[in-house]
N, C-alpha and C. Protein backbone atom coordinates (compact mmCIF):
# COMPACT_ATOMS: atom_id res chain seq x y z
N MET A 1 -36.28 12.66 -20.34
CA MET A 1 -36.41 13.97 -19.71
C MET A 1 -34.92 14.29 -19.29
N LYS A 2 -34.51 15.66 -19.62
CA LYS A 2 -33.23 16.15 -19.14
C LYS A 2 -33.28 16.87 -18.34
N LEU A 3 -32.31 17.01 -17.27
CA LEU A 3 -32.07 17.87 -16.16
C LEU A 3 -30.82 18.78 -16.49
N GLU A 4 -30.79 20.06 -16.73
CA GLU A 4 -29.70 20.92 -17.12
C GLU A 4 -29.75 22.33 -16.23
N PHE A 5 -28.63 22.60 -15.79
CA PHE A 5 -28.39 23.97 -15.17
C PHE A 5 -27.81 24.90 -16.41
N LEU A 6 -28.57 26.04 -16.51
CA LEU A 6 -28.05 27.15 -17.33
C LEU A 6 -27.74 28.43 -16.31
N ARG A 7 -26.32 28.53 -16.51
CA ARG A 7 -25.92 29.78 -15.91
C ARG A 7 -25.71 30.93 -16.67
N ASP A 8 -26.28 32.22 -16.07
CA ASP A 8 -26.32 33.34 -16.69
C ASP A 8 -27.28 33.52 -17.74
N ILE A 9 -28.41 33.43 -17.90
CA ILE A 9 -29.14 33.46 -19.15
C ILE A 9 -29.19 34.79 -19.81
N THR A 10 -28.74 35.64 -18.93
CA THR A 10 -28.56 37.13 -19.64
C THR A 10 -27.44 37.32 -20.65
N ALA A 11 -26.63 36.08 -20.82
CA ALA A 11 -25.82 36.22 -21.92
C ALA A 11 -24.48 37.26 -21.53
N GLY A 12 -23.94 37.29 -20.23
CA GLY A 12 -23.08 38.38 -19.95
C GLY A 12 -23.53 39.74 -19.98
N GLY A 13 -24.92 39.89 -19.62
CA GLY A 13 -25.34 41.20 -19.66
C GLY A 13 -26.09 41.85 -20.92
N LEU A 14 -25.95 40.88 -21.98
CA LEU A 14 -26.81 41.08 -23.37
C LEU A 14 -28.17 41.50 -23.23
N PHE A 15 -28.73 40.49 -22.17
CA PHE A 15 -30.21 40.47 -22.06
C PHE A 15 -30.38 40.70 -20.60
N PRO A 16 -30.35 41.91 -20.17
CA PRO A 16 -30.07 42.22 -18.89
C PRO A 16 -31.50 42.08 -17.97
N LEU A 17 -32.60 42.00 -18.57
CA LEU A 17 -33.83 41.95 -18.12
C LEU A 17 -34.16 40.36 -17.84
N ALA A 18 -33.30 39.38 -18.65
CA ALA A 18 -33.76 37.88 -18.47
C ALA A 18 -34.19 37.67 -16.92
N GLU A 19 -34.83 37.05 -16.53
CA GLU A 19 -35.32 36.48 -15.29
C GLU A 19 -35.53 35.21 -15.34
N PRO A 20 -35.24 34.45 -14.37
CA PRO A 20 -34.18 34.56 -13.34
C PRO A 20 -32.74 34.73 -14.31
N HIS A 21 -31.63 34.93 -13.46
CA HIS A 21 -30.41 34.89 -14.34
C HIS A 21 -29.89 33.38 -14.33
N ASN A 22 -30.15 32.70 -13.42
CA ASN A 22 -29.73 31.08 -13.52
C ASN A 22 -31.09 30.21 -13.17
N LEU A 23 -30.88 29.19 -13.96
CA LEU A 23 -32.05 28.27 -13.75
C LEU A 23 -31.64 26.82 -14.18
N LEU A 24 -32.60 26.05 -13.45
CA LEU A 24 -32.52 24.52 -13.70
C LEU A 24 -33.63 24.19 -14.53
N ARG A 25 -33.47 23.34 -15.78
CA ARG A 25 -34.59 22.87 -16.50
C ARG A 25 -34.65 21.69 -16.67
N LEU A 26 -35.98 21.05 -16.80
CA LEU A 26 -36.30 19.72 -16.91
C LEU A 26 -37.13 19.94 -18.59
N PHE A 27 -36.52 19.24 -19.41
CA PHE A 27 -37.16 19.48 -20.90
C PHE A 27 -37.03 18.30 -21.45
N ASP A 28 -37.25 17.97 -22.76
CA ASP A 28 -37.10 17.04 -23.58
C ASP A 28 -37.58 15.53 -23.11
N PHE A 29 -38.89 15.69 -22.76
CA PHE A 29 -39.62 14.50 -22.29
C PHE A 29 -40.84 14.20 -22.93
N THR A 30 -41.34 12.92 -22.51
CA THR A 30 -42.77 12.31 -23.01
C THR A 30 -43.79 12.73 -22.01
N PRO A 31 -45.17 12.49 -22.42
CA PRO A 31 -46.13 12.54 -21.44
C PRO A 31 -45.84 11.70 -20.49
N ALA A 32 -45.73 10.29 -20.86
CA ALA A 32 -45.34 9.17 -19.82
C ALA A 32 -44.47 9.62 -18.64
N GLU A 33 -43.33 10.40 -19.15
CA GLU A 33 -42.22 10.65 -18.41
C GLU A 33 -42.86 11.97 -17.18
N ALA A 34 -43.53 12.71 -17.76
CA ALA A 34 -44.20 13.88 -16.96
C ALA A 34 -45.05 13.20 -16.00
N ALA A 35 -45.86 12.15 -16.42
CA ALA A 35 -46.55 11.50 -15.45
C ALA A 35 -46.15 10.96 -14.22
N ALA A 36 -44.91 10.30 -14.63
CA ALA A 36 -44.03 9.30 -13.67
C ALA A 36 -43.26 10.47 -12.74
N LEU A 37 -42.92 11.89 -13.14
CA LEU A 37 -42.35 12.69 -12.35
C LEU A 37 -43.44 13.22 -11.48
N ALA A 38 -44.73 13.40 -11.97
CA ALA A 38 -45.63 14.00 -11.07
C ALA A 38 -46.25 12.76 -9.96
N LEU A 39 -46.13 11.64 -10.19
CA LEU A 39 -46.42 10.61 -9.42
C LEU A 39 -45.30 10.58 -8.34
N ALA A 40 -44.01 10.50 -8.85
CA ALA A 40 -43.00 10.35 -7.73
C ALA A 40 -42.77 11.58 -6.79
N ILE A 41 -43.17 12.92 -7.20
CA ILE A 41 -43.22 14.00 -6.21
C ILE A 41 -44.46 13.77 -5.48
N GLN A 42 -45.73 13.40 -5.94
CA GLN A 42 -46.72 13.22 -5.20
C GLN A 42 -46.54 12.22 -3.98
N THR A 43 -45.74 10.90 -4.28
CA THR A 43 -45.69 9.89 -3.56
C THR A 43 -44.55 10.07 -2.60
N LYS A 44 -43.50 10.72 -2.92
CA LYS A 44 -42.31 10.80 -1.92
C LYS A 44 -42.33 12.14 -1.10
N LEU A 45 -42.88 13.20 -1.79
CA LEU A 45 -42.76 14.70 -0.95
C LEU A 45 -44.08 14.92 -0.55
N VAL A 46 -45.09 14.48 -1.04
CA VAL A 46 -46.29 14.99 -0.52
C VAL A 46 -46.87 13.76 0.49
N GLY A 47 -46.61 12.61 0.05
CA GLY A 47 -47.17 11.60 0.75
C GLY A 47 -46.53 11.23 1.95
N ALA A 48 -45.41 10.75 1.65
CA ALA A 48 -44.23 10.30 2.52
C ALA A 48 -43.46 11.27 3.25
N ASP A 49 -43.53 12.66 2.85
CA ASP A 49 -42.50 13.61 3.44
C ASP A 49 -41.19 13.12 3.28
N SER A 50 -40.52 12.62 2.32
CA SER A 50 -39.30 12.17 2.01
C SER A 50 -38.82 12.88 0.76
N PRO A 51 -37.19 12.81 0.90
CA PRO A 51 -36.74 13.45 -0.23
C PRO A 51 -36.60 12.67 -1.57
N LEU A 52 -36.59 13.44 -2.55
CA LEU A 52 -36.64 12.90 -3.85
C LEU A 52 -35.44 13.35 -4.72
N HIS A 53 -34.60 12.32 -5.25
CA HIS A 53 -33.32 12.56 -5.80
C HIS A 53 -33.58 12.31 -7.36
N LEU A 54 -34.00 13.69 -7.87
CA LEU A 54 -34.50 13.75 -9.29
C LEU A 54 -33.44 13.04 -10.49
N HIS A 55 -32.42 13.29 -10.37
CA HIS A 55 -31.21 12.57 -10.97
C HIS A 55 -31.13 11.40 -11.04
N ALA A 56 -31.87 10.62 -9.88
CA ALA A 56 -31.65 9.14 -9.67
C ALA A 56 -32.68 8.43 -10.49
N LEU A 57 -33.96 9.15 -10.80
CA LEU A 57 -34.93 8.67 -11.70
C LEU A 57 -34.56 8.12 -12.81
N PRO A 58 -34.87 6.69 -13.22
CA PRO A 58 -34.52 6.11 -14.30
C PRO A 58 -34.92 6.97 -15.71
N PHE A 59 -35.76 7.58 -15.51
CA PHE A 59 -36.28 8.64 -16.67
C PHE A 59 -35.48 9.84 -16.94
N ILE A 60 -34.97 10.34 -15.88
CA ILE A 60 -34.03 11.47 -16.09
C ILE A 60 -32.82 11.48 -16.32
N ASN A 61 -32.20 12.28 -17.40
CA ASN A 61 -30.86 12.26 -17.73
C ASN A 61 -30.28 13.72 -17.34
N PRO A 62 -29.50 13.58 -16.33
CA PRO A 62 -28.83 14.82 -15.72
C PRO A 62 -27.67 15.12 -16.88
N VAL A 63 -27.90 16.40 -17.29
CA VAL A 63 -26.77 16.76 -18.19
C VAL A 63 -25.47 17.46 -17.46
N ASN A 64 -25.99 18.20 -16.55
CA ASN A 64 -24.56 18.74 -15.88
C ASN A 64 -24.89 19.07 -14.62
N CYS A 65 -25.78 18.57 -13.85
CA CYS A 65 -26.13 18.86 -12.42
C CYS A 65 -26.80 17.51 -11.91
N THR A 66 -27.14 17.77 -10.54
CA THR A 66 -28.12 16.79 -9.66
C THR A 66 -29.13 17.75 -8.93
N LEU A 67 -29.92 17.12 -8.55
CA LEU A 67 -31.17 17.87 -8.02
C LEU A 67 -31.89 17.16 -7.12
N ASP A 68 -31.73 17.42 -5.71
CA ASP A 68 -32.78 16.83 -4.81
C ASP A 68 -33.78 17.92 -4.37
N LEU A 69 -34.97 17.36 -4.15
CA LEU A 69 -35.94 17.72 -3.78
C LEU A 69 -36.15 17.44 -2.47
N GLU A 70 -36.14 18.28 -1.25
CA GLU A 70 -36.25 18.02 0.04
C GLU A 70 -37.39 18.61 0.51
N PRO A 71 -38.09 17.98 1.64
CA PRO A 71 -39.20 18.46 2.35
C PRO A 71 -38.81 19.28 3.33
N SER A 72 -39.33 20.66 3.50
CA SER A 72 -38.84 21.71 4.43
C SER A 72 -40.38 22.18 5.22
N PRO A 73 -40.11 22.80 6.41
CA PRO A 73 -41.35 23.57 6.91
C PRO A 73 -41.64 24.81 6.18
N ASN A 74 -40.53 25.42 5.51
CA ASN A 74 -40.91 26.77 4.82
C ASN A 74 -40.28 26.52 3.46
N ASN A 75 -40.70 27.69 2.60
CA ASN A 75 -40.13 27.71 1.11
C ASN A 75 -38.93 28.53 1.04
N ARG A 76 -37.74 27.33 0.96
CA ARG A 76 -36.32 28.26 1.03
C ARG A 76 -36.14 28.21 -0.77
N GLY A 77 -36.64 27.16 -1.40
CA GLY A 77 -36.28 27.29 -2.90
C GLY A 77 -34.95 26.66 -3.06
N ILE A 78 -34.18 26.93 -4.19
CA ILE A 78 -33.03 26.36 -4.59
C ILE A 78 -31.94 27.49 -4.60
N ALA A 79 -30.82 27.33 -3.93
CA ALA A 79 -29.72 28.32 -3.77
C ALA A 79 -28.66 27.81 -4.77
N LEU A 80 -27.75 28.40 -5.19
CA LEU A 80 -26.55 28.05 -6.06
C LEU A 80 -25.54 27.39 -5.01
N PRO A 81 -25.29 26.09 -5.47
CA PRO A 81 -24.48 25.42 -4.60
C PRO A 81 -22.85 25.85 -4.85
N ASP A 82 -21.94 25.59 -3.72
CA ASP A 82 -20.68 26.27 -4.12
C ASP A 82 -20.04 25.45 -5.28
N ASP A 83 -20.66 24.06 -5.34
CA ASP A 83 -19.72 23.18 -6.75
C ASP A 83 -20.62 23.74 -7.81
N GLY A 84 -21.66 24.48 -7.89
CA GLY A 84 -22.38 24.74 -9.24
C GLY A 84 -23.04 23.49 -9.80
N ARG A 85 -23.28 22.52 -9.05
CA ARG A 85 -23.72 20.99 -9.90
C ARG A 85 -24.65 20.34 -8.98
N SER A 86 -24.45 20.44 -7.52
CA SER A 86 -25.38 19.60 -6.71
C SER A 86 -26.44 20.67 -6.04
N PHE A 87 -27.48 20.47 -6.69
CA PHE A 87 -28.62 21.48 -6.13
C PHE A 87 -29.56 20.70 -5.29
N HIS A 88 -30.09 21.74 -4.35
CA HIS A 88 -31.19 21.12 -3.24
C HIS A 88 -32.27 22.16 -3.14
N CYS A 89 -33.50 21.60 -3.36
CA CYS A 89 -34.67 22.47 -3.43
C CYS A 89 -35.36 22.11 -1.97
N TYR A 90 -35.75 23.12 -1.34
CA TYR A 90 -36.28 22.95 -0.08
C TYR A 90 -37.63 23.72 -0.08
N LEU A 91 -38.82 22.88 -0.16
CA LEU A 91 -40.14 23.35 -0.12
C LEU A 91 -40.97 22.66 0.84
N THR A 92 -42.24 23.44 1.11
CA THR A 92 -43.15 22.71 2.01
C THR A 92 -44.07 21.64 1.23
N ARG A 93 -44.74 20.73 2.09
CA ARG A 93 -45.53 19.75 1.33
C ARG A 93 -46.65 20.51 0.43
N LYS A 94 -47.03 21.39 0.80
CA LYS A 94 -48.17 22.17 -0.16
C LYS A 94 -47.53 22.47 -1.34
N ALA A 95 -46.11 23.03 -1.39
CA ALA A 95 -45.57 23.64 -2.52
C ALA A 95 -45.27 22.42 -3.27
N TYR A 96 -44.85 21.23 -3.01
CA TYR A 96 -44.78 20.13 -3.67
C TYR A 96 -45.89 19.66 -4.16
N ASP A 97 -47.19 19.83 -3.54
CA ASP A 97 -48.40 19.47 -4.10
C ASP A 97 -48.63 20.19 -5.25
N THR A 98 -48.59 21.28 -5.20
CA THR A 98 -48.59 22.43 -6.30
C THR A 98 -47.77 22.15 -7.55
N MET A 99 -46.37 21.71 -7.15
CA MET A 99 -45.55 21.38 -8.41
C MET A 99 -46.03 19.84 -8.90
N ALA A 100 -46.45 18.92 -8.33
CA ALA A 100 -47.01 17.78 -8.81
C ALA A 100 -48.11 18.08 -9.81
N HIS A 101 -48.92 18.76 -9.42
CA HIS A 101 -49.96 19.26 -10.07
C HIS A 101 -49.82 19.89 -11.63
N LEU A 102 -48.76 21.04 -11.37
CA LEU A 102 -48.12 21.65 -12.73
C LEU A 102 -47.41 20.58 -13.58
N VAL A 103 -46.72 19.73 -13.04
CA VAL A 103 -46.11 18.65 -13.87
C VAL A 103 -47.11 17.77 -14.26
N ASP A 104 -48.22 17.42 -13.90
CA ASP A 104 -49.16 16.30 -14.24
C ASP A 104 -50.05 17.02 -15.67
N HIS A 105 -49.91 18.18 -15.90
CA HIS A 105 -50.27 19.02 -17.03
C HIS A 105 -49.75 18.34 -18.22
N PHE A 106 -48.50 18.12 -18.02
CA PHE A 106 -47.68 17.69 -19.27
C PHE A 106 -47.80 16.20 -19.63
N ALA A 107 -48.45 15.60 -18.60
CA ALA A 107 -48.94 14.31 -19.04
C ALA A 107 -50.26 14.14 -19.83
N ASN A 108 -50.79 15.27 -20.09
CA ASN A 108 -51.83 15.26 -21.20
C ASN A 108 -51.56 16.30 -22.11
N PRO A 109 -51.10 15.87 -23.34
CA PRO A 109 -50.47 16.96 -24.26
C PRO A 109 -51.68 17.95 -24.73
N GLY A 110 -52.71 17.57 -24.49
CA GLY A 110 -53.85 18.61 -25.08
C GLY A 110 -54.13 19.53 -23.94
N HIS A 111 -53.63 19.59 -22.72
CA HIS A 111 -53.78 20.39 -21.64
C HIS A 111 -53.42 21.92 -22.13
N ARG A 112 -54.19 23.01 -21.71
CA ARG A 112 -53.96 24.26 -22.19
C ARG A 112 -52.89 25.00 -21.75
N LEU A 113 -52.19 24.42 -20.35
CA LEU A 113 -51.21 24.98 -19.60
C LEU A 113 -49.97 23.96 -20.02
N SER A 114 -49.92 23.28 -21.19
CA SER A 114 -48.81 22.44 -21.34
C SER A 114 -47.50 23.14 -22.05
N GLY A 115 -47.43 24.28 -22.40
CA GLY A 115 -46.23 24.98 -22.73
C GLY A 115 -44.67 24.92 -22.11
N TYR A 116 -44.93 25.77 -20.84
CA TYR A 116 -44.07 25.34 -19.91
C TYR A 116 -44.53 25.78 -18.49
N HIS A 117 -43.89 25.53 -17.50
CA HIS A 117 -44.30 25.96 -16.13
C HIS A 117 -43.06 26.29 -15.26
N TRP A 118 -43.09 27.33 -14.52
CA TRP A 118 -42.10 27.53 -13.39
C TRP A 118 -42.71 26.75 -12.34
N LEU A 119 -41.84 25.74 -11.70
CA LEU A 119 -42.25 24.84 -10.62
C LEU A 119 -42.33 25.38 -9.14
N TYR A 120 -42.03 26.51 -9.15
CA TYR A 120 -42.05 27.19 -7.88
C TYR A 120 -41.87 28.39 -8.05
N ASP A 121 -42.34 29.34 -6.83
CA ASP A 121 -42.12 30.82 -7.27
C ASP A 121 -40.59 31.13 -6.44
N ALA A 122 -39.76 31.28 -7.37
CA ALA A 122 -38.28 31.59 -6.70
C ALA A 122 -38.08 33.05 -6.70
N GLN A 123 -37.57 33.42 -5.38
CA GLN A 123 -37.09 34.55 -4.94
C GLN A 123 -35.84 35.22 -5.96
N PRO A 124 -35.69 36.45 -6.04
CA PRO A 124 -34.61 36.98 -7.10
C PRO A 124 -33.24 36.19 -6.65
N ASP A 125 -32.94 35.94 -5.19
CA ASP A 125 -31.59 35.44 -5.17
C ASP A 125 -31.59 33.91 -5.15
N LYS A 126 -32.58 33.12 -5.67
CA LYS A 126 -32.70 31.80 -5.76
C LYS A 126 -32.75 31.39 -7.22
N ILE A 127 -32.42 30.05 -7.50
CA ILE A 127 -32.42 29.29 -8.86
C ILE A 127 -33.87 29.11 -9.23
N GLY A 128 -34.35 29.45 -10.40
CA GLY A 128 -35.58 28.98 -11.10
C GLY A 128 -35.68 27.62 -11.42
N LEU A 129 -36.92 26.91 -11.30
CA LEU A 129 -36.96 25.64 -11.87
C LEU A 129 -37.95 25.51 -12.94
N LEU A 130 -37.64 25.19 -14.10
CA LEU A 130 -38.21 25.28 -15.42
C LEU A 130 -38.79 23.94 -15.83
N LEU A 131 -40.10 23.71 -16.12
CA LEU A 131 -40.33 22.40 -16.73
C LEU A 131 -41.06 22.82 -18.15
N SER A 132 -40.39 22.47 -18.98
CA SER A 132 -40.56 22.99 -20.60
C SER A 132 -40.31 21.64 -21.65
N ARG A 133 -41.32 21.26 -22.34
CA ARG A 133 -41.28 20.24 -23.42
C ARG A 133 -40.14 20.55 -24.17
N LYS A 134 -40.00 21.83 -24.69
CA LYS A 134 -39.04 21.86 -25.67
C LYS A 134 -37.64 22.70 -25.30
N GLY A 135 -38.00 23.10 -23.78
CA GLY A 135 -36.61 23.85 -23.05
C GLY A 135 -36.61 25.33 -23.06
N THR A 136 -37.82 25.62 -23.61
CA THR A 136 -37.91 27.29 -23.97
C THR A 136 -38.98 27.81 -22.95
N TRP A 137 -38.98 29.04 -22.88
CA TRP A 137 -39.97 29.97 -22.00
C TRP A 137 -40.16 31.00 -22.55
């Protein structure tokens, strides 16, 4: 599973309606890796209310960034960090529970919702988080 930050998916304004303008994507993974990610989110963030360092998981290959999922009393999402590489996602336990269920769809290749998922509802000023087997949406 690869973790990558895509900056300016509008291609410098060529595709001005592309949303979000920046995104983090998790892609190029197996059903077993999706199952392991769903379990890690469920165990650490929902069950233990503890942070999860995605880039440190043995099955995740960080291409150009890191991502820490952090428990929070409210859904603040993912902001663009000053260094453009060290991302932090702040969501509630309920939002992480939803995220774990969305990720788990990819553990079952025949599931009707296994094309891609946005893993949280990003506000316009935040970075989207995409899970996509092929990296597209």
